[in-house]
Amino acid sequence: MLGFLDYWRQEAQGSYRQVPEGEDSSSRERHDTPRPTILHFVVQKIYEVAPFLLLLNLVFATVWTAQGLLHISKRPRAVIPDIPIITTTFDENATFMAPASPESDAAWEALRPKGGGAIVVPNAKAYGLKPGIPMKTGPDVYGISMFHQLHCLTVLRASYYAALNGTVPAFTQPGIELVSEEKKLMLLRGHTAHCFDYVRQGIMCAGDLTIESANEFPEKWLEGIGEDALREKYGGHKPVLVDGWGIKHQCRNFGEAWDWTSRNRVPDGSGVVL
């Protein structure tokens, strides 16, 4: 196989045909024979290495695909099906803003399905889950974070209104009936502290980055502060604030999530409530 230098030498020297005797020297002319060029060399090399490169590419593609399929096969299946994303407008809801009362308390409790959001997951290992709460019979019990967060928000709400009224809120916790009143209060403080931190992390995890525009101050707020004082604070402009109402958000369909959880909830009489 000729190397690049061999081709280069031929290109530089060329080759000549011998001039027959008797021919006038003045009529002699150089007779070049076809000579390989650098372009010929490059083209030939491409033809030589192309099959090798194609084969190498096929090998890499086969290995890459096999690894990808292996990775997918090891990926745990999803317990919860895809919940669609819908557009939801945040607006004031008097029921959920109301102080503690039988009506408002019931509305808050109804945000979670029966069982408090606890579900059973048959064959949990197939989904790559760690053990849940064991039951005497049947699969383990697991929680769903959204309903856990709503539970915690309900606990914080109850603690807030109880503190305003100078009372201790009623709350449920495994084993609460086995301890003294003093220890119940200690458990309540620990439960409340847990809920503050858990809700914080839930909000940060969801990371709703919807941009919120300003609204006019609510009349009830203006009455308490005074519009003139607010105008002075805002440089004579009409007082506005960002209260989040009337803003559209992209949210998981809460109704579908609630329905799925309800269909897969812990059975009655299990004694497990989250």
Protein backbone atom coordinates (compact mmCIF):
# COMPACT_ATOMS: atom_id res chain seq x y z
CA MET A 1 0.00 0.00 0.00
CA LEU A 2 1.46 3.32 -1.01
CA GLY A 3 1.99 5.83 1.73
CA PHE A 4 1.43 9.54 1.56
CA LEU A 5 5.16 10.25 0.87
CA ASP A 6 5.16 7.83 -2.05
CA TYR A 7 2.24 9.65 -3.62
CA TRP A 8 3.90 12.99 -2.95
CA ARG A 9 7.13 11.89 -4.66
CA GLN A 10 5.23 10.75 -7.73
CA GLU A 11 3.39 14.04 -7.80
CA ALA A 12 6.66 15.99 -7.62
CA GLN A 13 8.67 13.94 -10.13
CA GLY A 14 6.05 12.88 -12.62
CA SER A 15 6.85 10.31 -15.37
CA TYR A 16 7.82 10.76 -18.99
CA ARG A 17 7.50 8.74 -22.24
CA GLN A 18 10.74 8.26 -24.21
CA VAL A 19 10.85 10.32 -27.45
CA PRO A 20 11.50 8.10 -30.53
CA GLU A 21 14.81 8.53 -32.39
CA GLY A 22 14.74 10.71 -35.42
CA GLU A 23 12.25 13.02 -33.98
CA ASP A 24 13.37 16.62 -33.92
CA SER A 25 14.36 17.79 -30.50
CA SER A 26 12.44 20.96 -31.02
CA SER A 27 9.31 18.91 -31.47
CA ARG A 28 9.96 16.89 -28.38
CA GLU A 29 7.32 17.46 -25.76
CA ARG A 30 6.78 16.22 -22.34
CA HIS A 31 4.30 13.39 -22.17
CA ASP A 32 2.81 13.22 -18.67
CA THR A 33 1.10 10.08 -17.63
CA PRO A 34 -1.82 10.29 -15.18
CA ARG A 35 -0.51 10.90 -11.69
CA PRO A 36 -2.24 10.28 -8.36
CA THR A 37 -3.01 13.46 -6.42
CA ILE A 38 -3.53 14.26 -2.74
CA LEU A 39 -7.27 14.16 -3.36
CA HIS A 40 -6.91 10.64 -4.77
CA PHE A 41 -4.99 9.64 -1.68
CA VAL A 42 -7.64 11.04 0.69
CA VAL A 43 -10.49 9.40 -1.22
CA GLN A 44 -8.72 6.05 -1.22
CA LYS A 45 -8.11 6.26 2.53
CA ILE A 46 -11.76 7.09 3.15
CA TYR A 47 -12.81 4.02 1.21
CA GLU A 48 -10.35 1.93 3.21
CA VAL A 49 -11.47 3.06 6.69
CA ALA A 50 -15.20 3.61 6.03
CA PRO A 51 -16.20 -0.07 6.50
CA PHE A 52 -14.25 -0.21 9.76
CA LEU A 53 -15.89 2.97 11.09
CA LEU A 54 -19.33 1.71 10.11
CA LEU A 55 -18.74 -1.58 11.90
CA LEU A 56 -17.44 0.24 14.99
CA ASN A 57 -20.50 2.50 14.99
CA LEU A 58 -22.82 -0.50 14.81
CA VAL A 59 -21.03 -2.14 17.74
CA PHE A 60 -21.31 0.98 19.90
CA ALA A 61 -24.97 1.45 18.95
CA THR A 62 -25.76 -2.15 19.87
CA VAL A 63 -24.02 -1.91 23.24
CA TRP A 64 -25.61 1.49 24.01
CA THR A 65 -29.10 0.22 23.17
CA ALA A 66 -28.61 -2.92 25.24
CA GLN A 67 -27.50 -0.89 28.24
CA GLY A 68 -30.45 1.48 27.83
CA LEU A 69 -32.95 -1.37 27.69
CA LEU A 70 -31.33 -2.97 30.71
CA HIS A 71 -31.59 0.31 32.62
CA ILE A 72 -35.26 0.71 31.67
CA SER A 73 -36.02 -2.86 32.71
CA LYS A 74 -34.54 -2.17 36.14
CA ARG A 75 -36.50 1.07 36.61
CA PRO A 76 -39.30 0.51 39.15
CA ARG A 77 -42.84 0.80 37.89
CA ALA A 78 -44.98 3.69 39.07
CA VAL A 79 -47.50 2.99 41.83
CA ILE A 80 -49.58 6.07 41.05
CA PRO A 81 -50.68 6.64 37.44
CA ASP A 82 -49.96 9.93 35.69
CA ILE A 83 -52.22 12.64 37.11
CA PRO A 84 -53.01 15.29 34.46
CA ILE A 85 -51.91 18.90 34.85
CA ILE A 86 -54.71 21.46 34.70
CA THR A 87 -54.97 25.25 34.91
CA THR A 88 -56.29 26.36 38.29
CA THR A 89 -57.02 29.92 39.41
CA PHE A 90 -56.21 30.74 43.03
CA ASP A 91 -59.07 32.66 44.64
CA GLU A 92 -60.22 33.50 48.14
CA ASN A 93 -62.32 30.79 49.79
CA ALA A 94 -64.27 31.98 52.81
CA THR A 95 -64.80 28.46 54.16
CA PHE A 96 -61.10 27.66 54.42
CA MET A 97 -60.28 31.15 55.71
CA ALA A 98 -62.89 30.97 58.46
CA PRO A 99 -61.95 30.46 62.12
CA ALA A 100 -62.34 27.03 63.66
CA SER A 101 -65.96 25.88 63.60
CA PRO A 102 -67.75 22.60 62.89
CA GLU A 103 -68.33 23.70 59.28
CA SER A 104 -64.81 24.91 58.51
CA ASP A 105 -63.20 22.03 60.42
CA ALA A 106 -65.22 19.54 58.36
CA ALA A 107 -64.12 21.24 55.13
CA TRP A 108 -60.48 20.91 56.11
CA GLU A 109 -60.89 17.27 57.09
CA ALA A 110 -62.64 16.52 53.78
CA LEU A 111 -59.52 17.54 51.87
CA ARG A 112 -58.17 14.09 52.70
CA PRO A 113 -59.96 10.87 51.73
CA LYS A 114 -61.18 8.42 54.30
CA GLY A 115 -58.11 6.89 55.92
CA GLY A 116 -56.31 10.23 55.87
CA GLY A 117 -54.47 9.52 52.62
CA ALA A 118 -53.09 6.14 53.70
CA ILE A 119 -52.96 3.59 50.86
CA VAL A 120 -52.11 -0.08 50.51
CA VAL A 121 -49.54 -1.14 47.91
CA PRO A 122 -49.66 -4.82 46.96
CA ASN A 123 -46.27 -6.26 45.99
CA ALA A 124 -44.46 -3.09 47.05
CA LYS A 125 -41.02 -4.57 46.32
CA ALA A 126 -41.84 -4.63 42.61
CA TYR A 127 -42.03 -0.84 42.76
CA GLY A 128 -38.72 -0.46 44.59
CA LEU A 129 -40.41 0.72 47.80
CA LYS A 130 -39.04 0.30 51.28
CA PRO A 131 -41.34 -1.37 53.83
CA GLY A 132 -44.41 0.56 54.93
CA ILE A 133 -46.58 0.18 58.03
CA PRO A 134 -47.26 -3.56 58.39
CA MET A 135 -50.79 -4.84 58.90
CA LYS A 136 -51.78 -8.15 60.44
CA THR A 137 -53.10 -9.27 57.08
CA GLY A 138 -52.63 -7.78 53.66
CA PRO A 139 -50.00 -5.52 52.13
CA ASP A 140 -48.14 -2.71 53.89
CA VAL A 141 -49.62 0.75 54.30
CA TYR A 142 -47.99 3.86 52.81
CA GLY A 143 -48.66 7.58 52.88
CA ILE A 144 -48.89 10.11 50.04
CA SER A 145 -46.94 13.30 50.62
CA MET A 146 -49.62 15.74 49.43
CA PHE A 147 -52.13 14.40 51.94
CA HIS A 148 -49.45 14.29 54.63
CA GLN A 149 -48.83 17.98 53.99
CA LEU A 150 -52.56 18.73 54.20
CA HIS A 151 -52.70 16.80 57.47
CA CYS A 152 -49.85 18.92 58.81
CA LEU A 153 -51.50 22.14 57.68
CA THR A 154 -54.67 21.04 59.48
CA VAL A 155 -52.64 20.40 62.65
CA LEU A 156 -51.03 23.87 62.43
CA ARG A 157 -54.44 25.47 61.90
CA ALA A 158 -55.91 23.67 64.89
CA SER A 159 -52.93 24.66 67.05
CA TYR A 160 -53.22 28.29 65.95
CA TYR A 161 -56.89 28.69 66.82
CA ALA A 162 -56.48 26.72 70.04
CA ALA A 163 -53.66 29.07 71.07
CA LEU A 164 -55.89 32.08 70.32
CA ASN A 165 -58.55 30.60 72.58
CA GLY A 166 -56.12 29.48 75.27
CA THR A 167 -56.92 25.79 74.82
CA VAL A 168 -55.11 22.64 73.76
CA PRO A 169 -56.16 21.26 70.36
CA ALA A 170 -57.35 17.72 70.00
CA PHE A 171 -55.11 15.66 67.75
CA THR A 172 -54.53 12.05 66.86
CA GLN A 173 -51.21 10.27 67.02
CA PRO A 174 -50.36 6.58 67.45
CA GLY A 175 -50.23 5.74 71.16
CA ILE A 176 -51.58 9.12 72.29
CA GLU A 177 -54.19 7.43 74.47
CA LEU A 178 -51.46 5.68 76.47
CA VAL A 179 -49.73 8.78 77.88
CA SER A 180 -50.47 11.38 80.53
CA GLU A 181 -51.86 14.85 79.76
CA GLU A 182 -48.42 16.36 80.36
CA LYS A 183 -46.82 14.04 77.82
CA LYS A 184 -49.66 14.68 75.40
CA LEU A 185 -48.73 18.36 75.40
CA MET A 186 -45.09 17.45 74.79
CA LEU A 187 -46.10 15.20 71.89
CA LEU A 188 -48.26 17.98 70.47
CA ARG A 189 -45.34 20.40 70.49
CA GLY A 190 -43.16 17.85 68.73
CA HIS A 191 -45.90 17.09 66.21
CA THR A 192 -46.41 20.79 65.49
CA ALA A 193 -42.67 21.38 65.05
CA HIS A 194 -42.52 18.43 62.65
CA CYS A 195 -45.41 19.85 60.63
CA PHE A 196 -43.84 23.29 60.29
CA ASP A 197 -40.69 21.73 58.83
CA TYR A 198 -42.55 19.19 56.70
CA VAL A 199 -44.80 21.80 55.08
CA ARG A 200 -41.75 24.00 54.47
CA GLN A 201 -40.00 21.22 52.59
CA GLY A 202 -43.16 20.32 50.67
CA ILE A 203 -43.53 23.90 49.40
CA MET A 204 -39.86 24.10 48.44
CA CYS A 205 -40.03 20.73 46.68
CA ALA A 206 -43.08 21.61 44.57
CA GLY A 207 -41.41 24.91 43.66
CA ASP A 208 -44.37 26.71 42.08
CA LEU A 209 -42.69 29.53 40.13
CA THR A 210 -45.88 31.17 38.87
CA ILE A 211 -45.40 34.94 38.58
CA GLU A 212 -48.01 36.87 40.56
CA SER A 213 -49.21 40.35 39.63
CA ALA A 214 -50.55 42.98 42.04
CA ASN A 215 -54.12 43.52 43.21
CA GLU A 216 -55.81 46.37 45.02
CA PHE A 217 -55.82 46.27 48.79
CA PRO A 218 -58.93 44.49 50.13
CA GLU A 219 -61.45 46.90 51.63
CA LYS A 220 -61.30 45.20 55.02
CA TRP A 221 -57.54 45.76 55.10
CA LEU A 222 -57.91 49.40 54.10
CA GLU A 223 -60.38 49.92 56.93
CA GLY A 224 -57.88 48.61 59.44
CA ILE A 225 -54.86 50.53 58.18
CA GLY A 226 -56.33 53.58 56.52
CA GLU A 227 -56.14 54.37 52.81
CA ASP A 228 -54.54 57.79 53.31
CA ALA A 229 -51.69 56.29 55.33
CA LEU A 230 -51.13 53.66 52.66
CA ARG A 231 -51.21 56.22 49.85
CA GLU A 232 -48.53 58.20 51.65
CA LYS A 233 -46.44 55.06 52.06
CA TYR A 234 -46.80 54.27 48.35
CA GLY A 235 -45.86 57.79 47.23
CA GLY A 236 -49.40 58.92 46.54
CA HIS A 237 -50.26 55.93 44.37
CA LYS A 238 -53.25 53.73 44.96
CA PRO A 239 -52.15 51.01 47.40
CA VAL A 240 -51.72 47.57 45.86
CA LEU A 241 -50.28 44.27 47.03
CA VAL A 242 -49.49 40.78 45.81
CA ASP A 243 -52.04 38.53 47.50
CA GLY A 244 -51.99 35.76 44.89
CA TRP A 245 -55.70 35.86 44.09
CA GLY A 246 -56.87 35.65 40.49
CA ILE A 247 -53.61 34.09 39.31
CA LYS A 248 -53.63 30.98 37.11
CA HIS A 249 -51.38 28.08 38.11
CA GLN A 250 -50.49 24.77 36.50
CA CYS A 251 -51.56 22.14 39.02
CA ARG A 252 -52.06 18.40 39.22
CA ASN A 253 -55.74 17.55 39.08
CA PHE A 254 -56.52 17.34 42.79
CA GLY A 255 -59.85 15.60 42.21
CA GLU A 256 -58.23 12.76 40.28
CA ALA A 257 -55.47 12.38 42.88
CA TRP A 258 -58.11 12.32 45.64
CA ASP A 259 -60.20 9.71 43.80
CA TRP A 260 -57.23 7.41 43.14
CA THR A 261 -56.14 7.61 46.77
CA SER A 262 -59.67 6.88 47.93
CA ARG A 263 -59.89 3.80 45.70
CA ASN A 264 -56.60 2.46 47.10
CA ARG A 265 -57.06 3.50 50.73
CA VAL A 266 -56.54 1.29 53.74
CA PRO A 267 -59.51 -0.97 54.45
CA ASP A 268 -61.96 -0.08 57.19
CA GLY A 269 -60.99 -1.43 60.58
CA SER A 270 -57.27 -1.46 59.82
CA GLY A 271 -56.64 1.04 62.58
CA VAL A 272 -54.18 2.95 60.39
CA VAL A 273 -54.97 6.62 59.85
CA LEU A 274 -52.35 9.10 58.72
